[in-house]
């Protein structure tokens, strides 16, 4: 098993979709958010609009993930559920 990535469930209410994603634990949340948004824009044929004010939230606690923290410095782990709003 690869220890430098975790599997999360990402929910995007704006497009009513859920995805299972592997994300690297050594990248900043802000970088992960940008990668996710760019991928969503490509996958949806630009139906998903990239927004500077969008944030990643814990689905369980409602807390916003700090864009300056690395994934390993948060409570994210395999099976975590997050929301992009």
Protein backbone atom coordinates (compact mmCIF):
# COMPACT_ATOMS: atom_id res chain seq x y z
CA UNK A 1 0.00 0.00 0.00
CA UNK A 2 1.25 3.46 -0.90
CA UNK A 3 1.69 5.60 2.23
CA UNK A 4 2.08 8.96 0.43
CA UNK A 5 -1.56 9.14 -0.74
CA UNK A 6 -4.95 8.80 0.88
CA UNK A 7 -8.34 7.94 -0.60
CA UNK A 8 -11.05 10.52 0.08
CA UNK A 9 -14.66 10.98 -0.98
CA UNK A 10 -15.24 14.38 -2.58
CA UNK A 11 -18.76 15.79 -2.88
CA UNK A 12 -19.50 18.75 -5.18
CA UNK A 13 -23.06 20.00 -4.51
CA UNK A 14 -22.86 22.56 -7.33
CA UNK A 15 -22.83 19.79 -9.96
CA UNK A 16 -24.46 17.11 -7.75
CA UNK A 17 -21.54 14.67 -8.06
CA UNK A 18 -19.36 12.57 -5.76
CA UNK A 19 -15.90 11.26 -6.57
CA UNK A 20 -13.40 8.98 -4.85
CA UNK A 21 -9.94 10.51 -5.18
CA UNK A 22 -6.42 9.66 -4.16
CA UNK A 23 -4.66 12.80 -2.94
CA UNK A 24 -0.99 13.19 -1.98
CA UNK A 25 -0.37 13.84 1.71
CA UNK A 26 2.66 16.07 1.12
CA UNK A 27 0.80 18.74 -0.91
CA UNK A 28 -0.93 21.83 0.46
CA UNK A 29 -4.71 21.90 0.62
CA UNK A 30 -4.69 24.96 -1.67
CA UNK A 31 -2.78 23.03 -4.32
CA UNK A 32 -5.16 20.08 -4.01
CA UNK A 33 -8.16 22.42 -4.36
CA UNK A 34 -6.72 23.95 -7.55
CA UNK A 35 -6.00 20.52 -9.05
CA UNK A 36 -9.51 19.32 -8.22
CA UNK A 37 -11.15 22.43 -9.69
CA UNK A 38 -9.06 22.30 -12.88
CA UNK A 39 -9.93 18.62 -13.31
CA UNK A 40 -13.63 19.27 -12.69
CA UNK A 41 -13.65 22.05 -15.24
CA UNK A 42 -12.07 19.74 -17.82
CA UNK A 43 -14.30 16.75 -16.97
CA UNK A 44 -17.51 18.75 -17.18
CA UNK A 45 -16.66 20.63 -20.38
CA UNK A 46 -16.35 23.86 -18.38
CA UNK A 47 -19.77 23.40 -16.74
CA UNK A 48 -17.93 23.67 -13.43
CA UNK A 49 -16.62 27.23 -13.00
CA UNK A 50 -13.40 27.64 -11.01
CA UNK A 51 -14.04 30.01 -8.09
CA UNK A 52 -11.45 31.71 -5.91
CA UNK A 53 -13.90 31.75 -2.98
CA UNK A 54 -14.46 27.96 -3.06
CA UNK A 55 -13.22 25.97 -0.06
CA UNK A 56 -12.81 22.39 0.99
CA UNK A 57 -14.88 21.45 4.04
CA UNK A 58 -15.02 18.39 6.25
CA UNK A 59 -18.38 16.74 5.64
CA UNK A 60 -18.38 15.40 9.19
CA UNK A 61 -17.43 18.55 11.13
CA UNK A 62 -18.14 21.40 8.70
CA UNK A 63 -14.66 22.82 9.33
CA UNK A 64 -12.87 24.60 6.47
CA UNK A 65 -9.49 23.12 5.57
CA UNK A 66 -6.68 25.68 5.73
CA UNK A 67 -5.24 26.12 2.22
CA UNK A 68 -1.76 26.66 3.67
CA UNK A 69 -1.58 23.33 5.52
CA UNK A 70 -0.35 20.13 3.95
CA UNK A 71 -2.78 17.22 3.86
CA UNK A 72 -0.68 15.29 6.41
CA UNK A 73 -1.04 18.22 8.86
CA UNK A 74 -4.86 17.99 8.82
CA UNK A 75 -7.29 15.36 10.09
CA UNK A 76 -7.69 13.94 6.58
CA UNK A 77 -7.15 10.20 6.33
CA UNK A 78 -8.31 7.27 4.20
CA UNK A 79 -12.09 7.39 3.95
CA UNK A 80 -12.44 11.07 4.85
CA UNK A 81 -15.40 12.82 3.27
CA UNK A 82 -14.95 16.39 2.05
CA UNK A 83 -17.13 18.91 0.26
CA UNK A 84 -16.09 21.50 -2.32
CA UNK A 85 -18.24 24.63 -1.92
